[in-house]
Amino acid sequence: MTVRFKSRQRGLSFLGLLIVGGLLAVTGVIGAQIVPTVIEYQAVTKAINKASVGTTVAEVRSTFDKAAAIDNISSVSGKDLDVTKEGDKVVISFAYQREIHLTGPAYLTLKYTGRSR
């Protein structure tokens, strides 16, 4: 009876484990900075849908500013909104961008746009 040993090992080396762990850590840090901006975008869209029931531009902006104060929205204010009327319906649109500093001169720029329903 002869015993055969595997001549080749399988698996991940320690250096490979460090590289994969580092990539996962960097991805996690960037993801943790992106999630609050997405949550704020959702709050902005909810606030403009609430404000679209107004009939005048001043009323729409005032309603949005009140909702923005409640939801802690800092990227967009009432004066940044584009308020138009299509038929009998008030349509509110917005656009803004957020920058996330990565390292040195590198930034991640997120551009958000939307309009009311």
PDB file of N, CA and C in Angstrom:
ATOM      1  N   MET A   1       0.825  -1.181   0.000  1.00  0.00           N
ATOM      2  CA  MET A   1       0.000   0.000   0.000  1.00  0.00           C
ATOM      3  C   MET A   1       0.872   1.247   0.000  1.00  0.00           C
ATOM      4  N   THR A   2       0.636   2.057  -0.931  1.00  0.00           N
ATOM      5  CA  THR A   2       1.363   3.312  -0.982  1.00  0.00           C
ATOM      6  C   THR A   2       0.394   4.448  -0.720  1.00  0.00           C
ATOM      7  N   VAL A   3       0.876   5.443  -0.024  1.00  0.00           N
ATOM      8  CA  VAL A   3       0.063   6.614   0.291  1.00  0.00           C
ATOM      9  C   VAL A   3       0.530   7.751  -0.603  1.00  0.00           C
ATOM     10  N   ARG A   4      -0.430   8.363  -1.272  1.00  0.00           N
ATOM     11  CA  ARG A   4      -0.085   9.484  -2.153  1.00  0.00           C
ATOM     12  C   ARG A   4      -0.484  10.789  -1.477  1.00  0.00           C
ATOM     13  N   PHE A   5       0.433  11.682  -1.462  1.00  0.00           N
ATOM     14  CA  PHE A   5       0.169  13.009  -0.906  1.00  0.00           C
ATOM     15  C   PHE A   5      -0.110  13.964  -2.056  1.00  0.00           C
ATOM     16  N   LYS A   6      -0.921  14.944  -1.781  1.00  0.00           N
ATOM     17  CA  LYS A   6      -1.170  15.963  -2.811  1.00  0.00           C
ATOM     18  C   LYS A   6       0.096  16.776  -2.985  1.00  0.00           C
ATOM     19  N   SER A   7       0.513  16.869  -4.196  1.00  0.00           N
ATOM     20  CA  SER A   7       1.737  17.602  -4.454  1.00  0.00           C
ATOM     21  C   SER A   7       1.481  19.100  -4.568  1.00  0.00           C
ATOM     22  N   ARG A   8       0.225  19.504  -4.723  1.00  0.00           N
ATOM     23  CA  ARG A   8      -0.079  20.917  -4.905  1.00  0.00           C
ATOM     24  C   ARG A   8      -1.136  21.328  -3.883  1.00  0.00           C
ATOM     25  N   GLN A   9      -0.877  22.397  -3.188  1.00  0.00           N
ATOM     26  CA  GLN A   9      -1.841  22.868  -2.191  1.00  0.00           C
ATOM     27  C   GLN A   9      -2.876  23.742  -2.861  1.00  0.00           C
ATOM     28  N   ARG A  10      -4.041  23.812  -2.273  1.00  0.00           N
ATOM     29  CA  ARG A  10      -5.110  24.653  -2.781  1.00  0.00           C
ATOM     30  C   ARG A  10      -5.472  25.646  -1.689  1.00  0.00           C
ATOM     31  N   GLY A  11      -5.999  26.784  -2.103  1.00  0.00           N
ATOM     32  CA  GLY A  11      -6.427  27.769  -1.126  1.00  0.00           C
ATOM     33  C   GLY A  11      -5.843  29.132  -1.422  1.00  0.00           C
ATOM     34  N   LEU A  12      -6.019  29.998  -0.475  1.00  0.00           N
ATOM     35  CA  LEU A  12      -5.612  31.386  -0.607  1.00  0.00           C
ATOM     36  C   LEU A  12      -4.369  31.616   0.238  1.00  0.00           C
ATOM     37  N   SER A  13      -3.382  32.246  -0.332  1.00  0.00           N
ATOM     38  CA  SER A  13      -2.167  32.527   0.423  1.00  0.00           C
ATOM     39  C   SER A  13      -2.410  33.688   1.379  1.00  0.00           C
ATOM     40  N   PHE A  14      -1.526  33.889   2.296  1.00  0.00           N
ATOM     41  CA  PHE A  14      -1.668  34.978   3.265  1.00  0.00           C
ATOM     42  C   PHE A  14      -1.631  36.336   2.568  1.00  0.00           C
ATOM     43  N   LEU A  15      -0.760  36.487   1.584  1.00  0.00           N
ATOM     44  CA  LEU A  15      -0.678  37.735   0.837  1.00  0.00           C
ATOM     45  C   LEU A  15      -1.974  37.978   0.068  1.00  0.00           C
ATOM     46  N   GLY A  16      -2.520  36.941  -0.540  1.00  0.00           N
ATOM     47  CA  GLY A  16      -3.806  37.064  -1.227  1.00  0.00           C
ATOM     48  C   GLY A  16      -4.924  37.441  -0.271  1.00  0.00           C
ATOM     49  N   LEU A  17      -4.885  36.863   0.915  1.00  0.00           N
ATOM     50  CA  LEU A  17      -5.881  37.192   1.941  1.00  0.00           C
ATOM     51  C   LEU A  17      -5.783  38.656   2.345  1.00  0.00           C
ATOM     52  N   LEU A  18      -4.579  39.183   2.486  1.00  0.00           N
ATOM     53  CA  LEU A  18      -4.399  40.596   2.830  1.00  0.00           C
ATOM     54  C   LEU A  18      -4.913  41.506   1.721  1.00  0.00           C
ATOM     55  N   ILE A  19      -4.660  41.147   0.474  1.00  0.00           N
ATOM     56  CA  ILE A  19      -5.109  41.975  -0.648  1.00  0.00           C
ATOM     57  C   ILE A  19      -6.638  41.979  -0.718  1.00  0.00           C
ATOM     58  N   VAL A  20      -7.255  40.804  -0.613  1.00  0.00           N
ATOM     59  CA  VAL A  20      -8.721  40.721  -0.652  1.00  0.00           C
ATOM     60  C   VAL A  20      -9.327  41.472   0.539  1.00  0.00           C
ATOM     61  N   GLY A  21      -8.747  41.319   1.713  1.00  0.00           N
ATOM     62  CA  GLY A  21      -9.231  42.036   2.894  1.00  0.00           C
ATOM     63  C   GLY A  21      -9.110  43.542   2.743  1.00  0.00           C
ATOM     64  N   GLY A  22      -7.998  44.003   2.162  1.00  0.00           N
ATOM     65  CA  GLY A  22      -7.815  45.440   1.930  1.00  0.00           C
ATOM     66  C   GLY A  22      -8.826  45.995   0.947  1.00  0.00           C
ATOM     67  N   LEU A  23      -9.075  45.253  -0.136  1.00  0.00           N
ATOM     68  CA  LEU A  23     -10.072  45.695  -1.116  1.00  0.00           C
ATOM     69  C   LEU A  23     -11.468  45.746  -0.502  1.00  0.00           C
ATOM     70  N   LEU A  24     -11.809  44.761   0.306  1.00  0.00           N
ATOM     71  CA  LEU A  24     -13.110  44.768   0.976  1.00  0.00           C
ATOM     72  C   LEU A  24     -13.221  45.927   1.960  1.00  0.00           C
ATOM     73  N   ALA A  25     -12.147  46.251   2.653  1.00  0.00           N
ATOM     74  CA  ALA A  25     -12.166  47.369   3.601  1.00  0.00           C
ATOM     75  C   ALA A  25     -12.354  48.701   2.878  1.00  0.00           C
ATOM     76  N   VAL A  26     -11.639  48.908   1.778  1.00  0.00           N
ATOM     77  CA  VAL A  26     -11.775  50.149   1.006  1.00  0.00           C
ATOM     78  C   VAL A  26     -13.184  50.275   0.443  1.00  0.00           C
ATOM     79  N   THR A  27     -13.720  49.178  -0.091  1.00  0.00           N
ATOM     80  CA  THR A  27     -15.082  49.184  -0.618  1.00  0.00           C
ATOM     81  C   THR A  27     -16.093  49.488   0.483  1.00  0.00           C
ATOM     82  N   GLY A  28     -15.886  48.950   1.655  1.00  0.00           N
ATOM     83  CA  GLY A  28     -16.783  49.206   2.782  1.00  0.00           C
ATOM     84  C   GLY A  28     -16.756  50.657   3.239  1.00  0.00           C
ATOM     85  N   VAL A  29     -15.581  51.250   3.264  1.00  0.00           N
ATOM     86  CA  VAL A  29     -15.456  52.652   3.679  1.00  0.00           C
ATOM     87  C   VAL A  29     -16.132  53.575   2.670  1.00  0.00           C
ATOM     88  N   ILE A  30     -15.919  53.324   1.391  1.00  0.00           N
ATOM     89  CA  ILE A  30     -16.556  54.155   0.358  1.00  0.00           C
ATOM     90  C   ILE A  30     -18.069  53.956   0.381  1.00  0.00           C
ATOM     91  N   GLY A  31     -18.503  52.714   0.531  1.00  0.00           N
ATOM     92  CA  GLY A  31     -19.938  52.432   0.616  1.00  0.00           C
ATOM     93  C   GLY A  31     -20.587  53.105   1.806  1.00  0.00           C
ATOM     94  N   ALA A  32     -19.882  53.155   2.925  1.00  0.00           N
ATOM     95  CA  ALA A  32     -20.416  53.812   4.123  1.00  0.00           C
ATOM     96  C   ALA A  32     -20.550  55.321   3.926  1.00  0.00           C
ATOM     97  N   GLN A  33     -19.775  55.898   3.018  1.00  0.00           N
ATOM     98  CA  GLN A  33     -19.895  57.328   2.731  1.00  0.00           C
ATOM     99  C   GLN A  33     -20.967  57.603   1.673  1.00  0.00           C
ATOM    100  N   ILE A  34     -21.263  56.622   0.833  1.00  0.00           N
ATOM    101  CA  ILE A  34     -22.270  56.805  -0.213  1.00  0.00           C
ATOM    102  C   ILE A  34     -23.684  56.637   0.333  1.00  0.00           C
ATOM    103  N   VAL A  35     -23.888  55.722   1.249  1.00  0.00           N
ATOM    104  CA  VAL A  35     -25.231  55.420   1.754  1.00  0.00           C
ATOM    105  C   VAL A  35     -25.949  56.657   2.299  1.00  0.00           C
ATOM    106  N   PRO A  36     -25.338  57.529   3.101  1.00  0.00           N
ATOM    107  CA  PRO A  36     -26.069  58.717   3.572  1.00  0.00           C
ATOM    108  C   PRO A  36     -26.509  59.656   2.448  1.00  0.00           C
ATOM    109  N   THR A  37     -25.746  59.740   1.363  1.00  0.00           N
ATOM    110  CA  THR A  37     -26.155  60.610   0.262  1.00  0.00           C
ATOM    111  C   THR A  37     -27.362  60.031  -0.465  1.00  0.00           C
ATOM    112  N   VAL A  38     -27.433  58.715  -0.562  1.00  0.00           N
ATOM    113  CA  VAL A  38     -28.592  58.077  -1.192  1.00  0.00           C
ATOM    114  C   VAL A  38     -29.830  58.261  -0.318  1.00  0.00           C
ATOM    115  N   ILE A  39     -29.666  58.140   0.993  1.00  0.00           N
ATOM    116  CA  ILE A  39     -30.786  58.351   1.909  1.00  0.00           C
ATOM    117  C   ILE A  39     -31.270  59.798   1.821  1.00  0.00           C
ATOM    118  N   GLU A  40     -30.341  60.751   1.712  1.00  0.00           N
ATOM    119  CA  GLU A  40     -30.733  62.156   1.576  1.00  0.00           C
ATOM    120  C   GLU A  40     -31.458  62.383   0.250  1.00  0.00           C
ATOM    121  N   TYR A  41     -31.019  61.748  -0.827  1.00  0.00           N
ATOM    122  CA  TYR A  41     -31.697  61.861  -2.122  1.00  0.00           C
ATOM    123  C   TYR A  41     -33.145  61.368  -2.018  1.00  0.00           C
ATOM    124  N   GLN A  42     -33.349  60.259  -1.330  1.00  0.00           N
ATOM    125  CA  GLN A  42     -34.696  59.738  -1.151  1.00  0.00           C
ATOM    126  C   GLN A  42     -35.547  60.702  -0.326  1.00  0.00           C
ATOM    127  N   ALA A  43     -34.953  61.347   0.667  1.00  0.00           N
ATOM    128  CA  ALA A  43     -35.682  62.335   1.464  1.00  0.00           C
ATOM    129  C   ALA A  43     -36.046  63.557   0.624  1.00  0.00           C
ATOM    130  N   VAL A  44     -35.155  63.957  -0.285  1.00  0.00           N
ATOM    131  CA  VAL A  44     -35.436  65.104  -1.160  1.00  0.00           C
ATOM    132  C   VAL A  44     -36.600  64.776  -2.087  1.00  0.00           C
ATOM    133  N   THR A  45     -36.601  63.590  -2.681  1.00  0.00           N
ATOM    134  CA  THR A  45     -37.704  63.236  -3.572  1.00  0.00           C
ATOM    135  C   THR A  45     -39.022  63.150  -2.817  1.00  0.00           C
ATOM    136  N   LYS A  46     -38.983  62.663  -1.592  1.00  0.00           N
ATOM    137  CA  LYS A  46     -40.202  62.615  -0.778  1.00  0.00           C
ATOM    138  C   LYS A  46     -40.688  64.026  -0.463  1.00  0.00           C
ATOM    139  N   ALA A  47     -39.766  64.927  -0.166  1.00  0.00           N
ATOM    140  CA  ALA A  47     -40.131  66.306   0.173  1.00  0.00           C
ATOM    141  C   ALA A  47     -40.684  67.054  -1.036  1.00  0.00           C
ATOM    142  N   ILE A  48     -40.128  66.838  -2.234  1.00  0.00           N
ATOM    143  CA  ILE A  48     -40.673  67.555  -3.393  1.00  0.00           C
ATOM    144  C   ILE A  48     -42.032  66.999  -3.795  1.00  0.00           C
ATOM    145  N   ASN A  49     -42.266  65.721  -3.538  1.00  0.00           N
ATOM    146  CA  ASN A  49     -43.599  65.181  -3.814  1.00  0.00           C
ATOM    147  C   ASN A  49     -44.634  65.759  -2.848  1.00  0.00           C
ATOM    148  N   LYS A  50     -44.222  66.024  -1.609  1.00  0.00           N
ATOM    149  CA  LYS A  50     -45.120  66.694  -0.658  1.00  0.00           C
ATOM    150  C   LYS A  50     -45.358  68.140  -1.079  1.00  0.00           C
ATOM    151  N   ALA A  51     -44.305  68.799  -1.547  1.00  0.00           N
ATOM    152  CA  ALA A  51     -44.402  70.219  -1.887  1.00  0.00           C
ATOM    153  C   ALA A  51     -45.139  70.453  -3.195  1.00  0.00           C
ATOM    154  N   SER A  52     -45.290  69.434  -4.020  1.00  0.00           N
ATOM    155  CA  SER A  52     -45.917  69.632  -5.326  1.00  0.00           C
ATOM    156  C   SER A  52     -47.421  69.873  -5.235  1.00  0.00           C
ATOM    157  N   VAL A  53     -48.007  69.767  -4.055  1.00  0.00           N
ATOM    158  CA  VAL A  53     -49.437  70.062  -3.904  1.00  0.00           C
ATOM    159  C   VAL A  53     -49.688  71.566  -3.814  1.00  0.00           C
ATOM    160  N   GLY A  54     -48.643  72.349  -3.644  1.00  0.00           N
ATOM    161  CA  GLY A  54     -48.780  73.811  -3.580  1.00  0.00           C
ATOM    162  C   GLY A  54     -49.207  74.388  -4.915  1.00  0.00           C
ATOM    163  N   THR A  55     -49.767  75.588  -4.875  1.00  0.00           N
ATOM    164  CA  THR A  55     -50.254  76.211  -6.108  1.00  0.00           C
ATOM    165  C   THR A  55     -49.350  77.326  -6.602  1.00  0.00           C
ATOM    166  N   THR A  56     -48.620  77.983  -5.713  1.00  0.00           N
ATOM    167  CA  THR A  56     -47.718  79.053  -6.120  1.00  0.00           C
ATOM    168  C   THR A  56     -46.277  78.634  -5.875  1.00  0.00           C
ATOM    169  N   VAL A  57     -45.360  79.326  -6.526  1.00  0.00           N
ATOM    170  CA  VAL A  57     -43.936  79.011  -6.370  1.00  0.00           C
ATOM    171  C   VAL A  57     -43.495  79.243  -4.927  1.00  0.00           C
ATOM    172  N   ALA A  58     -43.939  80.329  -4.332  1.00  0.00           N
ATOM    173  CA  ALA A  58     -43.559  80.630  -2.947  1.00  0.00           C
ATOM    174  C   ALA A  58     -44.092  79.570  -1.985  1.00  0.00           C
ATOM    175  N   GLU A  59     -45.303  79.106  -2.229  1.00  0.00           N
ATOM    176  CA  GLU A  59     -45.886  78.083  -1.367  1.00  0.00           C
ATOM    177  C   GLU A  59     -45.138  76.758  -1.507  1.00  0.00           C
ATOM    178  N   VAL A  60     -44.765  76.404  -2.730  1.00  0.00           N
ATOM    179  CA  VAL A  60     -44.019  75.167  -2.970  1.00  0.00           C
ATOM    180  C   VAL A  60     -42.669  75.212  -2.280  1.00  0.00           C
ATOM    181  N   ARG A  61     -41.966  76.336  -2.430  1.00  0.00           N
ATOM    182  CA  ARG A  61     -40.639  76.456  -1.799  1.00  0.00           C
ATOM    183  C   ARG A  61     -40.733  76.463  -0.281  1.00  0.00           C
ATOM    184  N   SER A  62     -41.759  77.107   0.258  1.00  0.00           N
ATOM    185  CA  SER A  62     -41.946  77.137   1.708  1.00  0.00           C
ATOM    186  C   SER A  62     -42.251  75.739   2.240  1.00  0.00           C
ATOM    187  N   THR A  63     -43.112  75.010   1.547  1.00  0.00           N
ATOM    188  CA  THR A  63     -43.448  73.638   1.961  1.00  0.00           C
ATOM    189  C   THR A  63     -42.212  72.749   1.899  1.00  0.00           C
ATOM    190  N   PHE A  64     -41.411  72.904   0.853  1.00  0.00           N
ATOM    191  CA  PHE A  64     -40.191  72.097   0.738  1.00  0.00           C
ATOM    192  C   PHE A  64     -39.218  72.442   1.866  1.00  0.00           C
ATOM    193  N   ASP A  65     -39.041  73.727   2.161  1.00  0.00           N
ATOM    194  CA  ASP A  65     -38.111  74.124   3.222  1.00  0.00           C
ATOM    195  C   ASP A  65     -38.534  73.563   4.577  1.00  0.00           C
ATOM    196  N   LYS A  66     -39.842  73.516   4.834  1.00  0.00           N
ATOM    197  CA  LYS A  66     -40.327  72.938   6.096  1.00  0.00           C
ATOM    198  C   LYS A  66     -40.033  71.440   6.146  1.00  0.00           C
ATOM    199  N   ALA A  67     -40.276  70.740   5.041  1.00  0.00           N
ATOM    200  CA  ALA A  67     -39.985  69.305   4.992  1.00  0.00           C
ATOM    201  C   ALA A  67     -38.477  69.047   5.065  1.00  0.00           C
ATOM    202  N   ALA A  68     -37.690  69.937   4.470  1.00  0.00           N
ATOM    203  CA  ALA A  68     -36.231  69.784   4.512  1.00  0.00           C
ATOM    204  C   ALA A  68     -35.700  69.988   5.925  1.00  0.00           C
ATOM    205  N   ALA A  69     -36.319  70.885   6.685  1.00  0.00           N
ATOM    206  CA  ALA A  69     -35.892  71.089   8.069  1.00  0.00           C
ATOM    207  C   ALA A  69     -36.210  69.858   8.921  1.00  0.00           C
ATOM    208  N   ILE A  70     -37.324  69.223   8.643  1.00  0.00           N
ATOM    209  CA  ILE A  70     -37.706  68.031   9.408  1.00  0.00           C
ATOM    210  C   ILE A  70     -36.798  66.856   9.064  1.00  0.00           C
ATOM    211  N   ASP A  71     -36.524  66.660   7.770  1.00  0.00           N
ATOM    212  CA  ASP A  71     -35.722  65.511   7.324  1.00  0.00           C
ATOM    213  C   ASP A  71     -34.227  65.780   7.292  1.00  0.00           C
ATOM    214  N   ASN A  72     -33.798  66.959   7.748  1.00  0.00           N
ATOM    215  CA  ASN A  72     -32.377  67.318   7.808  1.00  0.00           C
ATOM    216  C   ASN A  72     -31.714  67.253   6.430  1.00  0.00           C
ATOM    217  N   ILE A  73     -32.346  67.896   5.454  1.00  0.00           N
ATOM    218  CA  ILE A  73     -31.810  67.959   4.095  1.00  0.00           C
ATOM    219  C   ILE A  73     -30.950  69.210   3.991  1.00  0.00           C
ATOM    220  N   SER A  74     -29.674  69.036   3.624  1.00  0.00           N
ATOM    221  CA  SER A  74     -28.776  70.183   3.553  1.00  0.00           C
ATOM    222  C   SER A  74     -28.253  70.453   2.135  1.00  0.00           C
ATOM    223  N   SER A  75     -28.453  69.535   1.217  1.00  0.00           N
ATOM    224  CA  SER A  75     -27.903  69.697  -0.129  1.00  0.00           C
ATOM    225  C   SER A  75     -28.756  70.580  -1.025  1.00  0.00           C
ATOM    226  N   VAL A  76     -30.046  70.639  -0.776  1.00  0.00           N
ATOM    227  CA  VAL A  76     -30.972  71.383  -1.622  1.00  0.00           C
ATOM    228  C   VAL A  76     -31.853  72.235  -0.723  1.00  0.00           C
ATOM    229  N   SER A  77     -32.089  73.464  -1.164  1.00  0.00           N
ATOM    230  CA  SER A  77     -33.025  74.324  -0.448  1.00  0.00           C
ATOM    231  C   SER A  77     -34.156  74.710  -1.392  1.00  0.00           C
ATOM    232  N   GLY A  78     -35.140  75.399  -0.873  1.00  0.00           N
ATOM    233  CA  GLY A  78     -36.286  75.789  -1.682  1.00  0.00           C
ATOM    234  C   GLY A  78     -35.926  76.673  -2.855  1.00  0.00           C
ATOM    235  N   LYS A  79     -34.911  77.522  -2.692  1.00  0.00           N
ATOM    236  CA  LYS A  79     -34.521  78.415  -3.792  1.00  0.00           C
ATOM    237  C   LYS A  79     -33.800  77.671  -4.917  1.00  0.00           C
ATOM    238  N   ASP A  80     -33.320  76.437  -4.666  1.00  0.00           N
ATOM    239  CA  ASP A  80     -32.640  75.646  -5.687  1.00  0.00           C
ATOM    240  C   ASP A  80     -33.604  74.862  -6.580  1.00  0.00           C
ATOM    241  N   LEU A  81     -34.874  74.842  -6.229  1.00  0.00           N
ATOM    242  CA  LEU A  81     -35.851  74.062  -6.978  1.00  0.00           C
ATOM    243  C   LEU A  81     -36.294  74.788  -8.233  1.00  0.00           C
ATOM    244  N   ASP A  82     -36.519  74.048  -9.306  1.00  0.00           N
ATOM    245  CA  ASP A  82     -37.102  74.585 -10.532  1.00  0.00           C
ATOM    246  C   ASP A  82     -38.577  74.203 -10.529  1.00  0.00           C
ATOM    247  N   VAL A  83     -39.435  75.196 -10.354  1.00  0.00           N
ATOM    248  CA  VAL A  83     -40.867  74.952 -10.263  1.00  0.00           C
ATOM    249  C   VAL A  83     -41.513  75.383 -11.570  1.00  0.00           C
ATOM    250  N   THR A  84     -42.185  74.457 -12.242  1.00  0.00           N
ATOM    251  CA  THR A  84     -42.895  74.742 -13.484  1.00  0.00           C
ATOM    252  C   THR A  84     -44.299  74.179 -13.386  1.00  0.00           C
ATOM    253  N   LYS A  85     -45.089  74.528 -14.349  1.00  0.00           N
ATOM    254  CA  LYS A  85     -46.459  74.040 -14.382  1.00  0.00           C
ATOM    255  C   LYS A  85     -46.699  73.385 -15.742  1.00  0.00           C
ATOM    256  N   GLU A  86     -47.152  72.156 -15.723  1.00  0.00           N
ATOM    257  CA  GLU A  86     -47.498  71.431 -16.944  1.00  0.00           C
ATOM    258  C   GLU A  86     -48.991  71.142 -16.887  1.00  0.00           C
ATOM    259  N   GLY A  87     -49.754  71.916 -17.632  1.00  0.00           N
ATOM    260  CA  GLY A  87     -51.204  71.800 -17.555  1.00  0.00           C
ATOM    261  C   GLY A  87     -51.686  72.360 -16.228  1.00  0.00           C
ATOM    262  N   ASP A  88     -52.379  71.547 -15.464  1.00  0.00           N
ATOM    263  CA  ASP A  88     -52.843  71.959 -14.133  1.00  0.00           C
ATOM    264  C   ASP A  88     -51.943  71.425 -13.031  1.00  0.00           C
ATOM    265  N   LYS A  89     -50.878  70.760 -13.386  1.00  0.00           N
ATOM    266  CA  LYS A  89     -50.018  70.087 -12.414  1.00  0.00           C
ATOM    267  C   LYS A  89     -48.729  70.862 -12.191  1.00  0.00           C
ATOM    268  N   VAL A  90     -48.336  71.018 -10.931  1.00  0.00           N
ATOM    269  CA  VAL A  90     -47.071  71.662 -10.576  1.00  0.00           C
ATOM    270  C   VAL A  90     -45.970  70.604 -10.630  1.00  0.00           C
ATOM    271  N   VAL A  91     -44.915  70.890 -11.369  1.00  0.00           N
ATOM    272  CA  VAL A  91     -43.790  69.961 -11.503  1.00  0.00           C
ATOM    273  C   VAL A  91     -42.552  70.624 -10.905  1.00  0.00           C
ATOM    274  N   ILE A  92     -41.917  69.914  -9.996  1.00  0.00           N
ATOM    275  CA  ILE A  92     -40.714  70.413  -9.322  1.00  0.00           C
ATOM    276  C   ILE A  92     -39.547  69.538  -9.750  1.00  0.00           C
ATOM    277  N   SER A  93     -38.463  70.158 -10.172  1.00  0.00           N
ATOM    278  CA  SER A  93     -37.264  69.404 -10.523  1.00  0.00           C
ATOM    279  C   SER A  93     -36.069  69.976  -9.758  1.00  0.00           C
ATOM    280  N   PHE A  94     -35.073  69.124  -9.559  1.00  0.00           N
ATOM    281  CA  PHE A  94     -33.877  69.530  -8.829  1.00  0.00           C
ATOM    282  C   PHE A  94     -32.677  68.782  -9.377  1.00  0.00           C
ATOM    283  N   ALA A  95     -31.511  69.332  -9.134  1.00  0.00           N
ATOM    284  CA  ALA A  95     -30.254  68.690  -9.493  1.00  0.00           C
ATOM    285  C   ALA A  95     -29.176  69.205  -8.546  1.00  0.00           C
ATOM    286  N   TYR A  96     -28.375  68.299  -8.045  1.00  0.00           N
ATOM    287  CA  TYR A  96     -27.245  68.681  -7.191  1.00  0.00           C
ATOM    288  C   TYR A  96     -26.198  67.589  -7.248  1.00  0.00           C
ATOM    289  N   GLN A  97     -25.014  67.898  -6.749  1.00  0.00           N
ATOM    290  CA  GLN A  97     -23.952  66.900  -6.713  1.00  0.00           C
ATOM    291  C   GLN A  97     -23.273  66.902  -5.362  1.00  0.00           C
ATOM    292  N   ARG A  98     -22.767  65.748  -4.990  1.00  0.00           N
ATOM    293  CA  ARG A  98     -22.025  65.583  -3.738  1.00  0.00           C
ATOM    294  C   ARG A  98     -20.665  65.008  -4.073  1.00  0.00           C
ATOM    295  N   GLU A  99     -19.644  65.500  -3.400  1.00  0.00           N
ATOM    296  CA  GLU A  99     -18.283  64.998  -3.600  1.00  0.00           C
ATOM    297  C   GLU A  99     -17.824  64.283  -2.341  1.00  0.00           C
ATOM    298  N   ILE A 100     -17.211  63.128  -2.542  1.00  0.00           N
ATOM    299  CA  ILE A 100     -16.639  62.354  -1.446  1.00  0.00           C
ATOM    300  C   ILE A 100     -15.141  62.291  -1.676  1.00  0.00           C
ATOM    301  N   HIS A 101     -14.386  62.791  -0.708  1.00  0.00           N
ATOM    302  CA  HIS A 101     -12.931  62.800  -0.818  1.00  0.00           C
ATOM    303  C   HIS A 101     -12.406  61.388  -0.611  1.00  0.00           C
ATOM    304  N   LEU A 102     -11.644  60.895  -1.571  1.00  0.00           N
ATOM    305  CA  LEU A 102     -11.076  59.558  -1.459  1.00  0.00           C
ATOM    306  C   LEU A 102      -9.667  59.622  -0.879  1.00  0.00           C
ATOM    307  N   THR A 103      -8.733  60.193  -1.631  1.00  0.00           N
ATOM    308  CA  THR A 103      -7.373  60.355  -1.140  1.00  0.00           C
ATOM    309  C   THR A 103      -6.648  61.367  -2.022  1.00  0.00           C
ATOM    310  N   GLY A 104      -5.824  62.153  -1.426  1.00  0.00           N
ATOM    311  CA  GLY A 104      -5.060  63.138  -2.191  1.00  0.00           C
ATOM    312  C   GLY A 104      -5.961  63.996  -3.054  1.00  0.00           C
ATOM    313  N   PRO A 105      -5.696  64.051  -4.357  1.00  0.00           N
ATOM    314  CA  PRO A 105      -6.540  64.860  -5.243  1.00  0.00           C
ATOM    315  C   PRO A 105      -7.744  64.092  -5.798  1.00  0.00           C
ATOM    316  N   ALA A 106      -7.987  62.869  -5.337  1.00  0.00           N
ATOM    317  CA  ALA A 106      -9.057  62.038  -5.894  1.00  0.00           C
ATOM    318  C   ALA A 106     -10.370  62.243  -5.139  1.00  0.00           C
ATOM    319  N   TYR A 107     -11.438  62.485  -5.894  1.00  0.00           N
ATOM    320  CA  TYR A 107     -12.778  62.659  -5.348  1.00  0.00           C
ATOM    321  C   TYR A 107     -13.742  61.757  -6.111  1.00  0.00           C
ATOM    322  N   LEU A 108     -14.771  61.311  -5.432  1.00  0.00           N
ATOM    323  CA  LEU A 108     -15.868  60.598  -6.065  1.00  0.00           C
ATOM    324  C   LEU A 108     -17.033  61.578  -6.134  1.00  0.00           C
ATOM    325  N   THR A 109     -17.498  61.905  -7.345  1.00  0.00           N
ATOM    326  CA  THR A 109     -18.577  62.867  -7.527  1.00  0.00           C
ATOM    327  C   THR A 109     -19.863  62.119  -7.848  1.00  0.00           C
ATOM    328  N   LEU A 110     -20.889  62.378  -7.047  1.00  0.00           N
ATOM    329  CA  LEU A 110     -22.205  61.779  -7.249  1.00  0.00           C
ATOM    330  C   LEU A 110     -23.155  62.878  -7.689  1.00  0.00           C
ATOM    331  N   LYS A 111     -23.814  62.686  -8.830  1.00  0.00           N
ATOM    332  CA  LYS A 111     -24.752  63.682  -9.344  1.00  0.00           C
ATOM    333  C   LYS A 111     -26.166  63.132  -9.194  1.00  0.00           C
ATOM    334  N   TYR A 112     -27.019  63.913  -8.544  1.00  0.00           N
ATOM    335  CA  TYR A 112     -28.395  63.516  -8.310  1.00  0.00           C
ATOM    336  C   TYR A 112     -29.332  64.484  -9.021  1.00  0.00           C
ATOM    337  N   THR A 113     -30.314  63.945  -9.727  1.00  0.00           N
ATOM    338  CA  THR A 113     -31.354  64.748 -10.360  1.00  0.00           C
ATOM    339  C   THR A 113     -32.686  64.051 -10.128  1.00  0.00           C
ATOM    340  N   GLY A 114     -33.753  64.823 -10.169  1.00  0.00           N
ATOM    341  CA  GLY A 114     -35.068  64.234 -10.008  1.00  0.00           C
ATOM    342  C   GLY A 114     -36.157  65.252 -10.247  1.00  0.00           C
ATOM    343  N   ARG A 115     -37.372  64.753 -10.304  1.00  0.00           N
ATOM    344  CA  ARG A 115     -38.523  65.627 -10.456  1.00  0.00           C
ATOM    345  C   ARG A 115     -39.726  64.988  -9.809  1.00  0.00           C
ATOM    346  N   SER A 116     -40.698  65.811  -9.501  1.00  0.00           N
ATOM    347  CA  SER A 116     -41.886  65.310  -8.824  1.00  0.00           C
ATOM    348  C   SER A 116     -42.734  64.498  -9.778  1.00  0.00           C
ATOM    349  N   ARG A 117     -43.608  63.704  -9.176  1.00  0.00           N
ATOM    350  CA  ARG A 117     -44.509  62.878  -9.994  1.00  0.00           C
ATOM    351  C   ARG A 117     -45.702  63.646 -10.457  1.00  0.00           C
TER     352      ARG A 117
END
